[in-house]
């Protein structure tokens, strides 16, 4: 059964900073308490097709693939693992001069 989660949040950071933080999944342990360790697989520029492998509380090891990369406005990821597969899509838009509205 597929489920969908819609989320909207305002964050006191400019869109570029938030986009850059989230686009590099290796940063996830800094903001997601369930991400224990996340490492990039392979080399090359941060672009569609980049992949990471991570260990997550309650989920075990998961592979994350960057599917959509449109700085600084859109990101998309596919996450696969033994317990669950997920697709994440994020849209970033300016809210004032120093804030971002993020929608999932």
PDB file of N, CA and C in Angstrom:
ATOM      1  N   UNK A   1       0.841  -1.183   0.000  1.00  0.00           N
ATOM      2  CA  UNK A   1       0.000   0.000   0.000  1.00  0.00           C
ATOM      3  C   UNK A   1       0.883   1.242   0.000  1.00  0.00           C
ATOM      4  N   UNK A   2       0.639   2.139  -0.874  1.00  0.00           N
ATOM      5  CA  UNK A   2       1.399   3.386  -0.967  1.00  0.00           C
ATOM      6  C   UNK A   2       0.760   4.438  -0.071  1.00  0.00           C
ATOM      7  N   UNK A   3       1.594   5.206   0.583  1.00  0.00           N
ATOM      8  CA  UNK A   3       1.138   6.317   1.413  1.00  0.00           C
ATOM      9  C   UNK A   3       1.797   7.586   0.914  1.00  0.00           C
ATOM     10  N   UNK A   4       1.162   8.702   1.185  1.00  0.00           N
ATOM     11  CA  UNK A   4       1.711   9.984   0.780  1.00  0.00           C
ATOM     12  C   UNK A   4       1.700  10.915   1.982  1.00  0.00           C
ATOM     13  N   UNK A   5       2.806  11.599   2.181  1.00  0.00           N
ATOM     14  CA  UNK A   5       2.953  12.559   3.258  1.00  0.00           C
ATOM     15  C   UNK A   5       3.154  13.931   2.641  1.00  0.00           C
ATOM     16  N   UNK A   6       2.294  14.869   2.982  1.00  0.00           N
ATOM     17  CA  UNK A   6       2.456  16.250   2.530  1.00  0.00           C
ATOM     18  C   UNK A   6       2.922  17.078   3.716  1.00  0.00           C
ATOM     19  N   UNK A   7       3.904  17.881   3.496  1.00  0.00           N
ATOM     20  CA  UNK A   7       4.506  18.669   4.558  1.00  0.00           C
ATOM     21  C   UNK A   7       4.844  20.043   4.021  1.00  0.00           C
ATOM     22  N   UNK A   8       4.572  21.069   4.799  1.00  0.00           N
ATOM     23  CA  UNK A   8       4.988  22.436   4.462  1.00  0.00           C
ATOM     24  C   UNK A   8       5.596  23.039   5.719  1.00  0.00           C
ATOM     25  N   UNK A   9       6.764  23.637   5.563  1.00  0.00           N
ATOM     26  CA  UNK A   9       7.458  24.222   6.706  1.00  0.00           C
ATOM     27  C   UNK A   9       8.220  25.460   6.246  1.00  0.00           C
ATOM     28  N   UNK A  10       8.304  26.449   7.113  1.00  0.00           N
ATOM     29  CA  UNK A  10       9.106  27.641   6.853  1.00  0.00           C
ATOM     30  C   UNK A  10      10.368  27.554   7.703  1.00  0.00           C
ATOM     31  N   UNK A  11      11.506  27.841   7.083  1.00  0.00           N
ATOM     32  CA  UNK A  11      12.799  27.719   7.751  1.00  0.00           C
ATOM     33  C   UNK A  11      13.557  29.017   7.581  1.00  0.00           C
ATOM     34  N   UNK A  12      14.176  29.481   8.655  1.00  0.00           N
ATOM     35  CA  UNK A  12      14.913  30.746   8.629  1.00  0.00           C
ATOM     36  C   UNK A  12      16.304  30.589   8.021  1.00  0.00           C
ATOM     37  N   UNK A  13      16.339  30.161   6.791  1.00  0.00           N
ATOM     38  CA  UNK A  13      17.562  30.065   5.993  1.00  0.00           C
ATOM     39  C   UNK A  13      17.183  30.394   4.554  1.00  0.00           C
ATOM     40  N   UNK A  14      18.098  30.972   3.778  1.00  0.00           N
ATOM     41  CA  UNK A  14      17.785  31.222   2.366  1.00  0.00           C
ATOM     42  C   UNK A  14      17.658  29.895   1.604  1.00  0.00           C
ATOM     43  N   UNK A  15      16.887  29.879   0.510  1.00  0.00           N
ATOM     44  CA  UNK A  15      16.688  28.639  -0.240  1.00  0.00           C
ATOM     45  C   UNK A  15      17.993  27.957  -0.658  1.00  0.00           C
ATOM     46  N   UNK A  16      18.985  28.730  -1.075  1.00  0.00           N
ATOM     47  CA  UNK A  16      20.245  28.146  -1.533  1.00  0.00           C
ATOM     48  C   UNK A  16      20.921  27.341  -0.422  1.00  0.00           C
ATOM     49  N   UNK A  17      20.929  27.868   0.793  1.00  0.00           N
ATOM     50  CA  UNK A  17      21.578  27.182   1.915  1.00  0.00           C
ATOM     51  C   UNK A  17      20.839  25.890   2.268  1.00  0.00           C
ATOM     52  N   UNK A  18      19.525  25.951   2.307  1.00  0.00           N
ATOM     53  CA  UNK A  18      18.736  24.763   2.634  1.00  0.00           C
ATOM     54  C   UNK A  18      18.863  23.713   1.529  1.00  0.00           C
ATOM     55  N   UNK A  19      18.788  24.157   0.286  1.00  0.00           N
ATOM     56  CA  UNK A  19      18.949  23.246  -0.854  1.00  0.00           C
ATOM     57  C   UNK A  19      20.302  22.535  -0.780  1.00  0.00           C
ATOM     58  N   UNK A  20      21.381  23.291  -0.586  1.00  0.00           N
ATOM     59  CA  UNK A  20      22.723  22.706  -0.538  1.00  0.00           C
ATOM     60  C   UNK A  20      22.859  21.713   0.606  1.00  0.00           C
ATOM     61  N   UNK A  21      22.303  22.030   1.762  1.00  0.00           N
ATOM     62  CA  UNK A  21      22.362  21.127   2.911  1.00  0.00           C
ATOM     63  C   UNK A  21      21.686  19.803   2.595  1.00  0.00           C
ATOM     64  N   UNK A  22      20.500  19.859   2.017  1.00  0.00           N
ATOM     65  CA  UNK A  22      19.726  18.643   1.787  1.00  0.00           C
ATOM     66  C   UNK A  22      20.140  17.895   0.522  1.00  0.00           C
ATOM     67  N   UNK A  23      20.695  18.585  -0.465  1.00  0.00           N
ATOM     68  CA  UNK A  23      21.099  17.923  -1.710  1.00  0.00           C
ATOM     69  C   UNK A  23      22.229  16.929  -1.473  1.00  0.00           C
ATOM     70  N   UNK A  24      23.145  17.244  -0.561  1.00  0.00           N
ATOM     71  CA  UNK A  24      24.227  16.316  -0.219  1.00  0.00           C
ATOM     72  C   UNK A  24      23.746  15.460   0.942  1.00  0.00           C
ATOM     73  N   UNK A  25      23.272  14.269   0.636  1.00  0.00           N
ATOM     74  CA  UNK A  25      22.677  13.392   1.645  1.00  0.00           C
ATOM     75  C   UNK A  25      23.680  13.026   2.739  1.00  0.00           C
ATOM     76  N   UNK A  26      24.967  13.165   2.471  1.00  0.00           N
ATOM     77  CA  UNK A  26      25.976  12.938   3.502  1.00  0.00           C
ATOM     78  C   UNK A  26      25.822  13.868   4.687  1.00  0.00           C
ATOM     79  N   UNK A  27      25.109  14.984   4.503  1.00  0.00           N
ATOM     80  CA  UNK A  27      24.832  15.921   5.599  1.00  0.00           C
ATOM     81  C   UNK A  27      23.671  15.479   6.487  1.00  0.00           C
ATOM     82  N   UNK A  28      22.938  14.461   6.082  1.00  0.00           N
ATOM     83  CA  UNK A  28      21.706  14.102   6.792  1.00  0.00           C
ATOM     84  C   UNK A  28      21.882  13.846   8.289  1.00  0.00           C
ATOM     85  N   UNK A  29      22.959  13.200   8.758  1.00  0.00           N
ATOM     86  CA  UNK A  29      23.086  13.010  10.207  1.00  0.00           C
ATOM     87  C   UNK A  29      23.137  14.318  11.005  1.00  0.00           C
ATOM     88  N   UNK A  30      23.463  15.442  10.351  1.00  0.00           N
ATOM     89  CA  UNK A  30      23.500  16.738  11.046  1.00  0.00           C
ATOM     90  C   UNK A  30      22.102  17.269  11.355  1.00  0.00           C
ATOM     91  N   UNK A  31      21.086  16.842  10.607  1.00  0.00           N
ATOM     92  CA  UNK A  31      19.740  17.373  10.822  1.00  0.00           C
ATOM     93  C   UNK A  31      18.673  16.298  11.050  1.00  0.00           C
ATOM     94  N   UNK A  32      18.988  15.033  10.779  1.00  0.00           N
ATOM     95  CA  UNK A  32      18.025  13.946  10.989  1.00  0.00           C
ATOM     96  C   UNK A  32      18.538  13.027  12.092  1.00  0.00           C
ATOM     97  N   UNK A  33      17.904  13.047  13.271  1.00  0.00           N
ATOM     98  CA  UNK A  33      18.398  12.225  14.377  1.00  0.00           C
ATOM     99  C   UNK A  33      18.305  10.724  14.111  1.00  0.00           C
ATOM    100  N   UNK A  34      17.555  10.296  13.115  1.00  0.00           N
ATOM    101  CA  UNK A  34      17.453   8.870  12.786  1.00  0.00           C
ATOM    102  C   UNK A  34      18.527   8.411  11.806  1.00  0.00           C
ATOM    103  N   UNK A  35      19.283   9.334  11.240  1.00  0.00           N
ATOM    104  CA  UNK A  35      20.378   8.991  10.323  1.00  0.00           C
ATOM    105  C   UNK A  35      21.641   8.787  11.154  1.00  0.00           C
ATOM    106  N   UNK A  36      22.102   7.553  11.226  1.00  0.00           N
ATOM    107  CA  UNK A  36      23.279   7.241  12.037  1.00  0.00           C
ATOM    108  C   UNK A  36      24.580   7.506  11.285  1.00  0.00           C
ATOM    109  N   UNK A  37      24.594   7.149   9.997  1.00  0.00           N
ATOM    110  CA  UNK A  37      25.788   7.325   9.168  1.00  0.00           C
ATOM    111  C   UNK A  37      25.352   7.298   7.711  1.00  0.00           C
ATOM    112  N   UNK A  38      25.847   8.234   6.915  1.00  0.00           N
ATOM    113  CA  UNK A  38      25.517   8.282   5.492  1.00  0.00           C
ATOM    114  C   UNK A  38      26.789   8.615   4.715  1.00  0.00           C
ATOM    115  N   UNK A  39      27.117   7.763   3.727  1.00  0.00           N
ATOM    116  CA  UNK A  39      28.336   7.965   2.946  1.00  0.00           C
ATOM    117  C   UNK A  39      28.024   7.909   1.457  1.00  0.00           C
ATOM    118  N   UNK A  40      28.699   8.766   0.706  1.00  0.00           N
ATOM    119  CA  UNK A  40      28.536   8.831  -0.741  1.00  0.00           C
ATOM    120  C   UNK A  40      29.141   7.597  -1.386  1.00  0.00           C
ATOM    121  N   UNK A  41      28.475   7.086  -2.390  1.00  0.00           N
ATOM    122  CA  UNK A  41      28.982   5.971  -3.190  1.00  0.00           C
ATOM    123  C   UNK A  41      29.512   6.565  -4.491  1.00  0.00           C
ATOM    124  N   UNK A  42      30.770   6.373  -4.751  1.00  0.00           N
ATOM    125  CA  UNK A  42      31.361   6.875  -5.984  1.00  0.00           C
ATOM    126  C   UNK A  42      31.800   8.329  -5.872  1.00  0.00           C
ATOM    127  N   UNK A  43      32.286   8.826  -7.004  1.00  0.00           N
ATOM    128  CA  UNK A  43      32.794  10.189  -7.095  1.00  0.00           C
ATOM    129  C   UNK A  43      31.966  10.961  -8.115  1.00  0.00           C
ATOM    130  N   UNK A  44      32.428  12.133  -8.420  1.00  0.00           N
ATOM    131  CA  UNK A  44      31.768  12.936  -9.431  1.00  0.00           C
ATOM    132  C   UNK A  44      30.979  14.064  -8.813  1.00  0.00           C
ATOM    133  N   UNK A  45      30.424  14.895  -9.668  1.00  0.00           N
ATOM    134  CA  UNK A  45      29.686  16.057  -9.168  1.00  0.00           C
ATOM    135  C   UNK A  45      28.373  15.650  -8.518  1.00  0.00           C
ATOM    136  N   UNK A  46      27.885  16.515  -7.675  1.00  0.00           N
ATOM    137  CA  UNK A  46      26.567  16.327  -7.081  1.00  0.00           C
ATOM    138  C   UNK A  46      25.553  16.615  -8.179  1.00  0.00           C
ATOM    139  N   UNK A  47      24.884  15.571  -8.659  1.00  0.00           N
ATOM    140  CA  UNK A  47      23.968  15.688  -9.791  1.00  0.00           C
ATOM    141  C   UNK A  47      23.030  14.488  -9.777  1.00  0.00           C
ATOM    142  N   UNK A  48      22.037  14.525 -10.659  1.00  0.00           N
ATOM    143  CA  UNK A  48      21.138  13.382 -10.777  1.00  0.00           C
ATOM    144  C   UNK A  48      21.956  12.119 -10.988  1.00  0.00           C
ATOM    145  N   UNK A  49      21.586  11.062 -10.280  1.00  0.00           N
ATOM    146  CA  UNK A  49      22.309   9.798 -10.355  1.00  0.00           C
ATOM    147  C   UNK A  49      23.265   9.571  -9.202  1.00  0.00           C
ATOM    148  N   UNK A  50      23.613  10.619  -8.448  1.00  0.00           N
ATOM    149  CA  UNK A  50      24.491  10.445  -7.279  1.00  0.00           C
ATOM    150  C   UNK A  50      23.801   9.534  -6.270  1.00  0.00           C
ATOM    151  N   UNK A  51      24.596   8.708  -5.566  1.00  0.00           N
ATOM    152  CA  UNK A  51      24.027   7.761  -4.599  1.00  0.00           C
ATOM    153  C   UNK A  51      24.799   7.777  -3.288  1.00  0.00           C
ATOM    154  N   UNK A  52      24.077   7.425  -2.229  1.00  0.00           N
ATOM    155  CA  UNK A  52      24.622   7.309  -0.881  1.00  0.00           C
ATOM    156  C   UNK A  52      24.115   6.012  -0.266  1.00  0.00           C
ATOM    157  N   UNK A  53      24.863   5.520   0.719  1.00  0.00           N
ATOM    158  CA  UNK A  53      24.385   4.408   1.532  1.00  0.00           C
ATOM    159  C   UNK A  53      24.375   4.884   2.968  1.00  0.00           C
ATOM    160  N   UNK A  54      23.269   4.622   3.667  1.00  0.00           N
ATOM    161  CA  UNK A  54      23.142   5.104   5.034  1.00  0.00           C
ATOM    162  C   UNK A  54      22.589   4.055   5.969  1.00  0.00           C
ATOM    163  N   UNK A  55      22.883   4.248   7.241  1.00  0.00           N
ATOM    164  CA  UNK A  55      22.298   3.419   8.301  1.00  0.00           C
ATOM    165  C   UNK A  55      21.343   4.300   9.096  1.00  0.00           C
ATOM    166  N   UNK A  56      20.120   3.802   9.305  1.00  0.00           N
ATOM    167  CA  UNK A  56      19.058   4.571   9.939  1.00  0.00           C
ATOM    168  C   UNK A  56      18.442   3.783  11.085  1.00  0.00           C
ATOM    169  N   UNK A  57      18.141   4.472  12.176  1.00  0.00           N
ATOM    170  CA  UNK A  57      17.470   3.852  13.311  1.00  0.00           C
ATOM    171  C   UNK A  57      16.170   3.209  12.852  1.00  0.00           C
ATOM    172  N   UNK A  58      15.981   1.956  13.202  1.00  0.00           N
ATOM    173  CA  UNK A  58      14.747   1.260  12.898  1.00  0.00           C
ATOM    174  C   UNK A  58      14.582   0.841  11.451  1.00  0.00           C
ATOM    175  N   UNK A  59      15.462   1.296  10.561  1.00  0.00           N
ATOM    176  CA  UNK A  59      15.326   0.979   9.138  1.00  0.00           C
ATOM    177  C   UNK A  59      16.506   0.176   8.600  1.00  0.00           C
ATOM    178  N   UNK A  60      17.620   0.181   9.305  1.00  0.00           N
ATOM    179  CA  UNK A  60      18.803  -0.522   8.830  1.00  0.00           C
ATOM    180  C   UNK A  60      19.504   0.250   7.726  1.00  0.00           C
ATOM    181  N   UNK A  61      20.122  -0.488   6.817  1.00  0.00           N
ATOM    182  CA  UNK A  61      20.872   0.117   5.719  1.00  0.00           C
ATOM    183  C   UNK A  61      19.931   0.450   4.569  1.00  0.00           C
ATOM    184  N   UNK A  62      20.110   1.644   4.018  1.00  0.00           N
ATOM    185  CA  UNK A  62      19.285   2.086   2.896  1.00  0.00           C
ATOM    186  C   UNK A  62      20.172   2.754   1.853  1.00  0.00           C
ATOM    187  N   UNK A  63      19.753   2.654   0.609  1.00  0.00           N
ATOM    188  CA  UNK A  63      20.443   3.304  -0.505  1.00  0.00           C
ATOM    189  C   UNK A  63      19.597   4.491  -0.932  1.00  0.00           C
ATOM    190  N   UNK A  64      20.241   5.655  -1.105  1.00  0.00           N
ATOM    191  CA  UNK A  64      19.551   6.887  -1.503  1.00  0.00           C
ATOM    192  C   UNK A  64      20.107   7.326  -2.854  1.00  0.00           C
ATOM    193  N   UNK A  65      19.214   7.599  -3.790  1.00  0.00           N
ATOM    194  CA  UNK A  65      19.608   8.045  -5.131  1.00  0.00           C
ATOM    195  C   UNK A  65      18.986   9.411  -5.403  1.00  0.00           C
ATOM    196  N   UNK A  66      19.803  10.342  -5.888  1.00  0.00           N
ATOM    197  CA  UNK A  66      19.337  11.670  -6.268  1.00  0.00           C
ATOM    198  C   UNK A  66      18.731  11.591  -7.662  1.00  0.00           C
ATOM    199  N   UNK A  67      17.418  11.805  -7.769  1.00  0.00           N
ATOM    200  CA  UNK A  67      16.691  11.678  -9.032  1.00  0.00           C
ATOM    201  C   UNK A  67      16.384  13.013  -9.695  1.00  0.00           C
ATOM    202  N   UNK A  68      16.241  14.044  -8.895  1.00  0.00           N
ATOM    203  CA  UNK A  68      15.871  15.362  -9.417  1.00  0.00           C
ATOM    204  C   UNK A  68      16.758  16.398  -8.736  1.00  0.00           C
ATOM    205  N   UNK A  69      17.425  17.238  -9.526  1.00  0.00           N
ATOM    206  CA  UNK A  69      18.377  18.205  -8.996  1.00  0.00           C
ATOM    207  C   UNK A  69      18.253  19.487  -9.799  1.00  0.00           C
ATOM    208  N   UNK A  70      17.495  20.445  -9.265  1.00  0.00           N
ATOM    209  CA  UNK A  70      17.276  21.737  -9.919  1.00  0.00           C
ATOM    210  C   UNK A  70      17.553  22.853  -8.913  1.00  0.00           C
ATOM    211  N   UNK A  71      18.857  23.211  -8.725  1.00  0.00           N
ATOM    212  CA  UNK A  71      19.205  24.224  -7.726  1.00  0.00           C
ATOM    213  C   UNK A  71      18.575  25.578  -8.031  1.00  0.00           C
ATOM    214  N   UNK A  72      18.141  26.317  -7.056  1.00  0.00           N
ATOM    215  CA  UNK A  72      17.936  25.931  -5.662  1.00  0.00           C
ATOM    216  C   UNK A  72      16.467  25.634  -5.346  1.00  0.00           C
ATOM    217  N   UNK A  73      15.737  25.100  -6.326  1.00  0.00           N
ATOM    218  CA  UNK A  73      14.282  25.023  -6.127  1.00  0.00           C
ATOM    219  C   UNK A  73      13.687  23.631  -5.979  1.00  0.00           C
ATOM    220  N   UNK A  74      14.311  22.574  -6.520  1.00  0.00           N
ATOM    221  CA  UNK A  74      13.685  21.250  -6.467  1.00  0.00           C
ATOM    222  C   UNK A  74      14.722  20.147  -6.259  1.00  0.00           C
ATOM    223  N   UNK A  75      14.366  19.208  -5.376  1.00  0.00           N
ATOM    224  CA  UNK A  75      15.163  18.004  -5.151  1.00  0.00           C
ATOM    225  C   UNK A  75      14.234  16.800  -5.159  1.00  0.00           C
ATOM    226  N   UNK A  76      14.739  15.672  -5.634  1.00  0.00           N
ATOM    227  CA  UNK A  76      13.989  14.430  -5.568  1.00  0.00           C
ATOM    228  C   UNK A  76      14.923  13.271  -5.282  1.00  0.00           C
ATOM    229  N   UNK A  77      14.484  12.367  -4.417  1.00  0.00           N
ATOM    230  CA  UNK A  77      15.283  11.216  -4.015  1.00  0.00           C
ATOM    231  C   UNK A  77      14.435   9.947  -4.056  1.00  0.00           C
ATOM    232  N   UNK A  78      15.089   8.817  -4.338  1.00  0.00           N
ATOM    233  CA  UNK A  78      14.493   7.498  -4.154  1.00  0.00           C
ATOM    234  C   UNK A  78      15.345   6.790  -3.117  1.00  0.00           C
ATOM    235  N   UNK A  79      14.703   6.262  -2.104  1.00  0.00           N
ATOM    236  CA  UNK A  79      15.381   5.547  -1.032  1.00  0.00           C
ATOM    237  C   UNK A  79      14.875   4.113  -1.022  1.00  0.00           C
ATOM    238  N   UNK A  80      15.804   3.148  -1.035  1.00  0.00           N
ATOM    239  CA  UNK A  80      15.419   1.742  -1.025  1.00  0.00           C
ATOM    240  C   UNK A  80      16.117   1.027   0.122  1.00  0.00           C
ATOM    241  N   UNK A  81      15.402   0.075   0.703  1.00  0.00           N
ATOM    242  CA  UNK A  81      15.954  -0.699   1.803  1.00  0.00           C
ATOM    243  C   UNK A  81      15.164  -1.976   2.000  1.00  0.00           C
ATOM    244  N   UNK A  82      15.594  -2.782   2.966  1.00  0.00           N
ATOM    245  CA  UNK A  82      14.925  -4.056   3.246  1.00  0.00           C
ATOM    246  C   UNK A  82      13.518  -3.868   3.808  1.00  0.00           C
ATOM    247  N   UNK A  83      13.308  -2.800   4.564  1.00  0.00           N
ATOM    248  CA  UNK A  83      12.021  -2.606   5.239  1.00  0.00           C
ATOM    249  C   UNK A  83      11.053  -1.725   4.475  1.00  0.00           C
ATOM    250  N   UNK A  84      11.583  -0.838   3.624  1.00  0.00           N
ATOM    251  CA  UNK A  84      10.698   0.122   2.965  1.00  0.00           C
ATOM    252  C   UNK A  84      11.423   0.806   1.817  1.00  0.00           C
ATOM    253  N   UNK A  85      10.661   1.151   0.798  1.00  0.00           N
ATOM    254  CA  UNK A  85      11.148   1.994  -0.289  1.00  0.00           C
ATOM    255  C   UNK A  85      10.375   3.304  -0.230  1.00  0.00           C
ATOM    256  N   UNK A  86      11.056   4.419  -0.504  1.00  0.00           N
ATOM    257  CA  UNK A  86      10.408   5.736  -0.411  1.00  0.00           C
ATOM    258  C   UNK A  86      10.850   6.618  -1.569  1.00  0.00           C
ATOM    259  N   UNK A  87       9.971   7.531  -1.916  1.00  0.00           N
ATOM    260  CA  UNK A  87      10.295   8.606  -2.859  1.00  0.00           C
ATOM    261  C   UNK A  87      10.044   9.923  -2.141  1.00  0.00           C
ATOM    262  N   UNK A  88      11.020  10.819  -2.236  1.00  0.00           N
ATOM    263  CA  UNK A  88      10.927  12.131  -1.591  1.00  0.00           C
ATOM    264  C   UNK A  88      11.061  13.203  -2.651  1.00  0.00           C
ATOM    265  N   UNK A  89      10.201  14.185  -2.616  1.00  0.00           N
ATOM    266  CA  UNK A  89      10.274  15.337  -3.517  1.00  0.00           C
ATOM    267  C   UNK A  89      10.161  16.593  -2.665  1.00  0.00           C
ATOM    268  N   UNK A  90      11.076  17.527  -2.858  1.00  0.00           N
ATOM    269  CA  UNK A  90      11.094  18.767  -2.090  1.00  0.00           C
ATOM    270  C   UNK A  90      11.092  19.955  -3.039  1.00  0.00           C
ATOM    271  N   UNK A  91      10.315  20.979  -2.709  1.00  0.00           N
ATOM    272  CA  UNK A  91      10.286  22.235  -3.459  1.00  0.00           C
ATOM    273  C   UNK A  91      10.627  23.355  -2.487  1.00  0.00           C
ATOM    274  N   UNK A  92      11.543  24.230  -2.883  1.00  0.00           N
ATOM    275  CA  UNK A  92      12.011  25.334  -2.046  1.00  0.00           C
ATOM    276  C   UNK A  92      11.661  26.653  -2.719  1.00  0.00           C
ATOM    277  N   UNK A  93      11.107  27.573  -1.963  1.00  0.00           N
ATOM    278  CA  UNK A  93      10.829  28.899  -2.513  1.00  0.00           C
ATOM    279  C   UNK A  93      11.143  29.956  -1.464  1.00  0.00           C
ATOM    280  N   UNK A  94      11.623  31.119  -1.905  1.00  0.00           N
ATOM    281  CA  UNK A  94      11.955  32.189  -0.963  1.00  0.00           C
ATOM    282  C   UNK A  94      10.717  32.647  -0.200  1.00  0.00           C
ATOM    283  N   UNK A  95      10.935  32.976   1.039  1.00  0.00           N
ATOM    284  CA  UNK A  95       9.892  33.562   1.879  1.00  0.00           C
ATOM    285  C   UNK A  95      10.550  34.761   2.548  1.00  0.00           C
ATOM    286  N   UNK A  96      10.360  35.910   1.981  1.00  0.00           N
ATOM    287  CA  UNK A  96      11.101  37.083   2.448  1.00  0.00           C
ATOM    288  C   UNK A  96      12.523  37.022   1.917  1.00  0.00           C
ATOM    289  N   UNK A  97      13.428  37.745   2.571  1.00  0.00           N
ATOM    290  CA  UNK A  97      14.812  37.811   2.079  1.00  0.00           C
ATOM    291  C   UNK A  97      15.704  36.732   2.655  1.00  0.00           C
ATOM    292  N   UNK A  98      15.353  36.168   3.819  1.00  0.00           N
ATOM    293  CA  UNK A  98      16.265  35.226   4.457  1.00  0.00           C
ATOM    294  C   UNK A  98      15.580  33.941   4.905  1.00  0.00           C
ATOM    295  N   UNK A  99      14.402  33.638   4.419  1.00  0.00           N
ATOM    296  CA  UNK A  99      13.693  32.440   4.819  1.00  0.00           C
ATOM    297  C   UNK A  99      13.279  31.633   3.601  1.00  0.00           C
ATOM    298  N   UNK A 100      12.934  30.382   3.858  1.00  0.00           N
ATOM    299  CA  UNK A 100      12.525  29.463   2.800  1.00  0.00           C
ATOM    300  C   UNK A 100      11.248  28.758   3.196  1.00  0.00           C
ATOM    301  N   UNK A 101      10.363  28.629   2.244  1.00  0.00           N
ATOM    302  CA  UNK A 101       9.193  27.775   2.395  1.00  0.00           C
ATOM    303  C   UNK A 101       9.534  26.464   1.697  1.00  0.00           C
ATOM    304  N   UNK A 102       9.505  25.350   2.445  1.00  0.00           N
ATOM    305  CA  UNK A 102       9.825  24.045   1.889  1.00  0.00           C
ATOM    306  C   UNK A 102       8.560  23.198   1.896  1.00  0.00           C
ATOM    307  N   UNK A 103       8.285  22.570   0.774  1.00  0.00           N
ATOM    308  CA  UNK A 103       7.122  21.694   0.660  1.00  0.00           C
ATOM    309  C   UNK A 103       7.599  20.311   0.255  1.00  0.00           C
ATOM    310  N   UNK A 104       6.950  19.344   0.840  1.00  0.00           N
ATOM    311  CA  UNK A 104       7.231  17.944   0.526  1.00  0.00           C
ATOM    312  C   UNK A 104       5.962  17.354  -0.013  1.00  0.00           C
TER     313      UNK A 104
END
